[in-house]
C-alpha atoms as a PDB file:
ATOM      1  CA  MET A   1      14.219 107.624  72.395  1.00  0.00           C
ATOM      2  CA  THR A   2      15.509 108.910  76.025  1.00  0.00           C
ATOM      3  CA  LEU A   3      17.251 112.396  75.821  1.00  0.00           C
ATOM      4  CA  LEU A   4      20.893 113.096  77.778  1.00  0.00           C
ATOM      5  CA  SER A   5      20.749 114.502  80.786  1.00  0.00           C
ATOM      6  CA  ASP A   6      22.908 118.096  80.954  1.00  0.00           C
ATOM      7  CA  ASP A   7      25.625 115.359  83.154  1.00  0.00           C
ATOM      8  CA  SER A   8      25.668 112.793  81.180  1.00  0.00           C
ATOM      9  CA  ARG A   9      26.573 114.721  77.816  1.00  0.00           C
ATOM     10  CA  PRO A  10      30.018 114.064  76.862  1.00  0.00           C
ATOM     11  CA  ALA A  11      32.281 117.572  77.919  1.00  0.00           C
ATOM     12  CA  ARG A  12      33.268 120.156  75.314  1.00  0.00           C
ATOM     13  CA  ARG A  13      36.395 121.241  75.595  1.00  0.00           C
ATOM     14  CA  GLY A  14      36.501 125.258  76.117  1.00  0.00           C
ATOM     15  CA  PRO A  15      37.804 127.704  73.459  1.00  0.00           C
ATOM     16  CA  GLY A  16      42.394 127.529  73.504  1.00  0.00           C
ATOM     17  CA  ARG A  17      45.352 125.611  71.854  1.00  0.00           C
ATOM     18  CA  PRO A  18      44.861 122.446  70.411  1.00  0.00           C
ATOM     19  CA  ARG A  19      46.803 119.769  72.340  1.00  0.00           C
ATOM     20  CA  HIS A  20      49.671 118.147  69.882  1.00  0.00           C
ATOM     21  CA  ALA A  21      51.419 115.119  70.244  1.00  0.00           C
ATOM     22  CA  ASP A  22      54.944 117.207  69.484  1.00  0.00           C
ATOM     23  CA  THR A  23      54.528 119.344  72.466  1.00  0.00           C
ATOM     24  CA  GLU A  24      58.169 118.547  73.240  1.00  0.00           C
ATOM     25  CA  GLU A  25      59.843 118.454  70.034  1.00  0.00           C
ATOM     26  CA  ARG A  26      57.867 122.512  69.123  1.00  0.00           C
ATOM     27  CA  ALA A  27      59.347 122.967  72.903  1.00  0.00           C
ATOM     28  CA  TYR A  28      62.309 122.692  72.027  1.00  0.00           C
ATOM     29  CA  ARG A  29      62.981 124.306  68.900  1.00  0.00           C
ATOM     30  CA  SER A  30      60.968 127.392  70.094  1.00  0.00           C
ATOM     31  CA  VAL A  31      63.375 127.478  73.560  1.00  0.00           C
ATOM     32  CA  LEU A  32      66.940 127.268  71.550  1.00  0.00           C
ATOM     33  CA  GLU A  33      65.511 129.526  68.083  1.00  0.00           C
ATOM     34  CA  LEU A  34      63.904 132.233  71.187  1.00  0.00           C
ATOM     35  CA  PHE A  35      67.787 131.890  73.280  1.00  0.00           C
ATOM     36  CA  GLY A  36      69.413 132.691  70.247  1.00  0.00           C
ATOM     37  CA  GLN A  37      67.632 135.546  68.901  1.00  0.00           C
ATOM     38  CA  ARG A  38      66.881 136.986  72.563  1.00  0.00           C
ATOM     39  CA  GLY A  39      69.611 135.127  74.824  1.00  0.00           C
ATOM     40  CA  TRP A  40      68.406 134.051  78.675  1.00  0.00           C
ATOM     41  CA  ALA A  41      66.659 137.698  79.834  1.00  0.00           C
ATOM     42  CA  GLY A  42      64.668 137.405  76.579  1.00  0.00           C
ATOM     43  CA  LEU A  43      63.815 134.109  77.622  1.00  0.00           C
ATOM     44  CA  SER A  44      60.167 132.701  79.591  1.00  0.00           C
ATOM     45  CA  LEU A  45      58.057 129.990  79.123  1.00  0.00           C
ATOM     46  CA  ASP A  46      55.031 131.782  78.406  1.00  0.00           C
ATOM     47  CA  ALA A  47      57.558 133.221  74.986  1.00  0.00           C
ATOM     48  CA  VAL A  48      58.316 129.608  74.926  1.00  0.00           C
ATOM     49  CA  ALA A  49      54.465 128.202  74.735  1.00  0.00           C
ATOM     50  CA  GLN A  50      53.851 131.542  72.591  1.00  0.00           C
ATOM     51  CA  HIS A  51      56.324 130.431  69.913  1.00  0.00           C
ATOM     52  CA  ALA A  52      56.299 126.911  69.616  1.00  0.00           C
ATOM     53  CA  GLY A  53      52.077 127.486  69.164  1.00  0.00           C
ATOM     54  CA  VAL A  54      50.822 125.248  72.478  1.00  0.00           C
ATOM     55  CA  GLY A  55      48.788 126.294  75.394  1.00  0.00           C
ATOM     56  CA  LYS A  56      51.126 127.239  78.423  1.00  0.00           C
ATOM     57  CA  SER A  57      49.447 124.390  80.830  1.00  0.00           C
ATOM     58  CA  SER A  58      51.114 122.253  78.861  1.00  0.00           C
ATOM     59  CA  ILE A  59      54.696 124.065  78.887  1.00  0.00           C
ATOM     60  CA  TYR A  60      54.342 124.929  83.242  1.00  0.00           C
ATOM     61  CA  LEU A  61      53.051 120.321  83.580  1.00  0.00           C
ATOM     62  CA  ARG A  62      56.308 119.258  82.077  1.00  0.00           C
ATOM     63  CA  TRP A  63      59.169 122.010  82.422  1.00  0.00           C
ATOM     64  CA  LYS A  64      59.270 124.214  86.348  1.00  0.00           C
ATOM     65  CA  ASP A  65      61.366 126.168  84.495  1.00  0.00           C
ATOM     66  CA  LYS A  66      63.098 127.666  81.372  1.00  0.00           C
ATOM     67  CA  ARG A  67      66.694 126.589  82.532  1.00  0.00           C
ATOM     68  CA  GLU A  68      64.822 123.371  83.102  1.00  0.00           C
ATOM     69  CA  LEU A  69      63.472 123.667  79.429  1.00  0.00           C
ATOM     70  CA  LEU A  70      67.391 124.425  77.651  1.00  0.00           C
ATOM     71  CA  LEU A  71      68.948 122.249  79.521  1.00  0.00           C
ATOM     72  CA  ASP A  72      66.531 119.296  77.699  1.00  0.00           C
ATOM     73  CA  ALA A  73      66.399 121.020  74.175  1.00  0.00           C
ATOM     74  CA  VAL A  74      70.143 121.061  74.093  1.00  0.00           C
ATOM     75  CA  ARG A  75      70.762 116.913  75.437  1.00  0.00           C
ATOM     76  CA  ASP A  76      68.180 116.793  72.560  1.00  0.00           C
ATOM     77  CA  PHE A  77      69.758 118.366  69.962  1.00  0.00           C
ATOM     78  CA  GLU A  78      73.190 116.986  71.019  1.00  0.00           C
ATOM     79  CA  THR A  79      71.637 113.629  71.008  1.00  0.00           C
ATOM     80  CA  ARG A  80      70.171 113.968  67.359  1.00  0.00           C
ATOM     81  CA  HIS A  81      73.661 116.145  65.960  1.00  0.00           C
ATOM     82  CA  VAL A  82      76.161 112.991  66.830  1.00  0.00           C
ATOM     83  CA  ASN A  83      78.829 114.687  64.852  1.00  0.00           C
ATOM     84  CA  PRO A  84      79.180 111.694  61.720  1.00  0.00           C
ATOM     85  CA  ALA A  85      83.383 112.094  61.884  1.00  0.00           C
ATOM     86  CA  ASP A  86      84.229 108.044  60.930  1.00  0.00           C
ATOM     87  CA  PRO A  87      86.935 107.032  63.613  1.00  0.00           C
ATOM     88  CA  SER A  88      87.821 104.755  61.920  1.00  0.00           C
ATOM     89  CA  LEU A  89      90.220 107.302  58.827  1.00  0.00           C
ATOM     90  CA  PRO A  90      92.929 108.005  59.586  1.00  0.00           C
ATOM     91  CA  ILE A  91      93.667 110.802  61.475  1.00  0.00           C
ATOM     92  CA  ARG A  92      94.567 113.227  59.075  1.00  0.00           C
ATOM     93  CA  ASP A  93      90.700 112.440  57.156  1.00  0.00           C
ATOM     94  CA  TYR A  94      88.752 112.526  60.859  1.00  0.00           C
ATOM     95  CA  LEU A  95      89.377 115.547  61.692  1.00  0.00           C
ATOM     96  CA  VAL A  96      89.248 117.206  58.689  1.00  0.00           C
ATOM     97  CA  GLU A  97      85.463 115.464  58.245  1.00  0.00           C
ATOM     98  CA  TYR A  98      84.768 116.359  62.153  1.00  0.00           C
ATOM     99  CA  ALA A  99      85.975 119.777  62.031  1.00  0.00           C
ATOM    100  CA  ILE A 100      83.500 120.029  58.370  1.00  0.00           C
ATOM    101  CA  ALA A 101      80.220 118.699  60.430  1.00  0.00           C
ATOM    102  CA  ARG A 102      80.991 121.223  62.894  1.00  0.00           C
ATOM    103  CA  ALA A 103      81.298 124.263  61.339  1.00  0.00           C
ATOM    104  CA  ALA A 104      78.308 123.456  59.204  1.00  0.00           C
ATOM    105  CA  LEU A 105      76.657 122.341  62.574  1.00  0.00           C
ATOM    106  CA  PHE A 106      77.248 126.551  63.901  1.00  0.00           C
ATOM    107  CA  LEU A 107      76.829 127.799  60.156  1.00  0.00           C
ATOM    108  CA  GLY A 108      73.371 125.908  60.092  1.00  0.00           C
ATOM    109  CA  GLU A 109      69.875 127.373  62.488  1.00  0.00           C
ATOM    110  CA  GLN A 110      71.048 126.987  65.246  1.00  0.00           C
ATOM    111  CA  GLY A 111      74.300 128.356  65.013  1.00  0.00           C
ATOM    112  CA  ALA A 112      72.678 131.368  67.464  1.00  0.00           C
ATOM    113  CA  THR A 113      71.913 129.673  69.713  1.00  0.00           C
ATOM    114  CA  MET A 114      74.774 127.954  69.923  1.00  0.00           C
ATOM    115  CA  ALA A 115      76.348 131.659  70.157  1.00  0.00           C
ATOM    116  CA  ALA A 116      74.354 132.390  72.985  1.00  0.00           C
ATOM    117  CA  ILE A 117      75.866 129.037  74.558  1.00  0.00           C
ATOM    118  CA  ILE A 118      79.539 129.729  74.638  1.00  0.00           C
ATOM    119  CA  SER A 119      78.598 133.452  75.652  1.00  0.00           C
ATOM    120  CA  ALA A 120      76.729 132.620  78.271  1.00  0.00           C
ATOM    121  CA  ALA A 121      78.834 130.090  79.730  1.00  0.00           C
ATOM    122  CA  VAL A 122      81.687 132.565  79.227  1.00  0.00           C
ATOM    123  CA  ALA A 123      80.396 135.109  81.589  1.00  0.00           C
ATOM    124  CA  ASN A 124      77.840 132.693  83.289  1.00  0.00           C
ATOM    125  CA  PRO A 125      80.069 130.007  84.326  1.00  0.00           C
ATOM    126  CA  ASP A 126      78.436 128.995  87.815  1.00  0.00           C
ATOM    127  CA  GLU A 127      75.073 129.582  86.682  1.00  0.00           C
ATOM    128  CA  TYR A 128      75.233 127.142  83.067  1.00  0.00           C
ATOM    129  CA  ALA A 129      77.859 125.123  83.960  1.00  0.00           C
ATOM    130  CA  ASP A 130      74.742 122.496  83.204  1.00  0.00           C
ATOM    131  CA  ILE A 131      73.960 123.549  79.616  1.00  0.00           C
ATOM    132  CA  GLN A 132      77.988 124.200  79.068  1.00  0.00           C
ATOM    133  CA  ASN A 133      78.841 120.278  79.785  1.00  0.00           C
ATOM    134  CA  GLU A 134      75.547 119.056  77.473  1.00  0.00           C
ATOM    135  CA  SER A 135      75.953 121.796  75.144  1.00  0.00           C
ATOM    136  CA  LEU A 136      80.115 122.043  74.274  1.00  0.00           C
ATOM    137  CA  ASN A 137      81.821 119.846  76.496  1.00  0.00           C
ATOM    138  CA  ARG A 138      79.700 116.773  75.061  1.00  0.00           C
ATOM    139  CA  GLY A 139      80.433 117.542  71.914  1.00  0.00           C
ATOM    140  CA  VAL A 140      83.757 117.320  71.662  1.00  0.00           C
ATOM    141  CA  LEU A 141      84.349 114.157  73.923  1.00  0.00           C
ATOM    142  CA  ALA A 142      84.811 111.214  70.730  1.00  0.00           C
ATOM    143  CA  LEU A 143      87.459 114.098  69.042  1.00  0.00           C
ATOM    144  CA  MET A 144      89.236 113.826  72.516  1.00  0.00           C
ATOM    145  CA  GLY A 145      89.255 110.149  72.572  1.00  0.00           C
ATOM    146  CA  ARG A 146      90.037 110.398  69.089  1.00  0.00           C
ATOM    147  CA  LEU A 147      93.204 112.368  69.654  1.00  0.00           C
ATOM    148  CA  GLU A 148      94.515 110.508  72.607  1.00  0.00           C
ATOM    149  CA  GLN A 149      94.102 107.259  70.551  1.00  0.00           C
ATOM    150  CA  ALA A 150      95.681 108.952  68.127  1.00  0.00           C
ATOM    151  CA  ILE A 151      99.014 109.927  70.231  1.00  0.00           C
ATOM    152  CA  ALA A 152      99.065 106.226  71.906  1.00  0.00           C
ATOM    153  CA  GLU A 153      99.187 104.477  68.443  1.00  0.00           C
ATOM    154  CA  GLY A 154     101.863 107.126  66.763  1.00  0.00           C
ATOM    155  CA  GLU A 155      99.902 108.934  64.473  1.00  0.00           C
ATOM    156  CA  MET A 156      99.898 112.050  65.917  1.00  0.00           C
ATOM    157  CA  PRO A 157     103.717 113.143  68.269  1.00  0.00           C
ATOM    158  CA  ILE A 158     104.365 111.743  71.510  1.00  0.00           C
ATOM    159  CA  GLY A 159     104.254 114.416  73.886  1.00  0.00           C
ATOM    160  CA  THR A 160     101.005 116.275  72.061  1.00  0.00           C
ATOM    161  CA  SER A 161      98.849 117.612  74.543  1.00  0.00           C
ATOM    162  CA  ALA A 162      95.289 116.114  72.960  1.00  0.00           C
ATOM    163  CA  ALA A 163      93.630 119.621  75.050  1.00  0.00           C
ATOM    164  CA  GLN A 164      95.725 122.212  73.388  1.00  0.00           C
ATOM    165  CA  PHE A 165      95.516 120.625  69.963  1.00  0.00           C
ATOM    166  CA  LEU A 166      91.622 120.482  70.725  1.00  0.00           C
ATOM    167  CA  GLU A 167      91.418 124.228  71.956  1.00  0.00           C
ATOM    168  CA  ALA A 168      93.329 125.311  68.672  1.00  0.00           C
ATOM    169  CA  LEU A 169      91.110 123.279  66.192  1.00  0.00           C
ATOM    170  CA  GLU A 170      87.499 123.803  68.062  1.00  0.00           C
ATOM    171  CA  GLY A 171      88.151 127.690  68.303  1.00  0.00           C
ATOM    172  CA  ALA A 172      89.479 128.403  64.858  1.00  0.00           C
ATOM    173  CA  ILE A 173      86.392 126.854  64.329  1.00  0.00           C
ATOM    174  CA  VAL A 174      84.279 129.018  66.127  1.00  0.00           C
ATOM    175  CA  PHE A 175      85.930 132.605  65.529  1.00  0.00           C
ATOM    176  CA  HIS A 176      84.826 131.574  61.188  1.00  0.00           C
ATOM    177  CA  THR A 177      82.562 130.956  61.098  1.00  0.00           C
ATOM    178  CA  ILE A 178      80.888 133.299  64.412  1.00  0.00           C
ATOM    179  CA  ILE A 179      83.313 135.619  65.361  1.00  0.00           C
ATOM    180  CA  ALA A 180      85.851 136.717  62.642  1.00  0.00           C
ATOM    181  CA  PRO A 181      85.159 140.632  61.668  1.00  0.00           C
ATOM    182  CA  GLY A 182      84.105 141.184  58.386  1.00  0.00           C
ATOM    183  CA  ARG A 183      83.658 137.404  58.017  1.00  0.00           C
ATOM    184  CA  PRO A 184      81.737 136.667  54.002  1.00  0.00           C
ATOM    185  CA  PRO A 185      77.922 136.292  53.901  1.00  0.00           C
ATOM    186  CA  LYS A 186      76.891 133.010  54.672  1.00  0.00           C
ATOM    187  CA  ASP A 187      76.618 131.195  51.798  1.00  0.00           C
ATOM    188  CA  GLN A 188      80.625 131.665  50.823  1.00  0.00           C
ATOM    189  CA  ILE A 189      81.809 130.155  53.965  1.00  0.00           C
ATOM    190  CA  VAL A 190      79.861 127.440  53.118  1.00  0.00           C
ATOM    191  CA  GLU A 191      81.221 126.887  49.847  1.00  0.00           C
ATOM    192  CA  THR A 192      84.946 127.690  51.084  1.00  0.00           C
ATOM    193  CA  LEU A 193      84.511 125.650  54.055  1.00  0.00           C
ATOM    194  CA  PRO A 194      85.658 122.796  52.584  1.00  0.00           C
ATOM    195  CA  GLN A 195      89.395 123.516  51.635  1.00  0.00           C
ATOM    196  CA  TYR A 196      89.625 126.122  55.081  1.00  0.00           C
ATOM    197  CA  VAL A 197      89.528 122.838  57.491  1.00  0.00           C
ATOM    198  CA  ALA A 198      91.958 121.199  55.572  1.00  0.00           C
ATOM    199  CA  GLU A 199      93.676 124.131  55.050  1.00  0.00           C
ATOM    200  CA  LEU A 200      93.267 124.499  58.980  1.00  0.00           C
ATOM    201  CA  VAL A 201      94.821 120.948  59.511  1.00  0.00           C
ATOM    202  CA  ASP A 202      97.099 120.406  57.949  1.00  0.00           C
ATOM    203  CA  TRP A 203      98.807 123.635  59.647  1.00  0.00           C
ATOM    204  CA  LEU A 204      97.810 122.052  62.951  1.00  0.00           C
ATOM    205  CA  LEU A 205      99.293 118.882  62.142  1.00  0.00           C
ATOM    206  CA  ARG A 206     102.389 120.633  61.044  1.00  0.00           C
ATOM    207  CA  GLY A 207     102.908 123.017  63.558  1.00  0.00           C
ATOM    208  CA  LEU A 208     103.343 120.140  65.977  1.00  0.00           C
ATOM    209  CA  PRO A 209     106.900 118.583  67.755  1.00  0.00           C
ATOM    210  CA  GLN A 210     107.626 116.154  64.659  1.00  0.00           C
ATOM    211  CA  ARG A 211     108.335 113.075  67.116  1.00  0.00           C
ATOM    212  CA  ARG A 212     106.692 110.144  65.864  1.00  0.00           C
ATOM    213  CA  SER A 213     107.208 106.639  65.283  1.00  0.00           C
ATOM    214  CA  PRO A 214     109.594 106.085  62.123  1.00  0.00           C
ATOM    215  CA  ASP A 215     107.222 103.900  60.601  1.00  0.00           C
ATOM    216  CA  ARG A 216     104.953 106.815  59.952  1.00  0.00           C
ATOM    217  CA  PRO A 217     105.315 109.488  57.260  1.00  0.00           C
ATOM    218  CA  ALA A 218     105.733 113.200  57.907  1.00  0.00           C
ATOM    219  CA  TRP A 219     102.959 115.202  57.255  1.00  0.00           C
END
């Protein structure tokens, strides 16, 4: 029997973390969690690797810096969390469905990350422009399109500003779920969310100037 020489034996991996087929998924989840917990200053590729349980080389081979990784993670998050509101619904029903889904996103496991992105985008608009476009602006494009359609087709009064209506709805949702002082526990917010959103949407619609198509009923 021929013995293998040292040079011909299969190479063994040295000590270190095992390779993972889901490295990107782990990295995305970890960078969003760390950004939500620590903010930008507390974020690093080394910290992401440790938190994700993957080798540092796997992280550094894929992303050149933490900003690039965070941007990719936000893009992945937005792709997987498309708002389920049905655009074929009447505008009032669509707005309620959209707002409930949007609020649920802020109340979910990545709520702290969403809040951190909003805060960072306000404090450093130039530095976070790309991340803001992905996480904040992209998330409301569907709503803007549906509002503009509703105005054009007479579901909402002529002269309504889609941008201002969007700001009022999104601002109220963010304030209610993240910022409001003395807000109740999260489980209570979740329980009362459908009623809150329905009342909010009805209040916003009633505040619009009543210049609608004659065949459209009043709110």
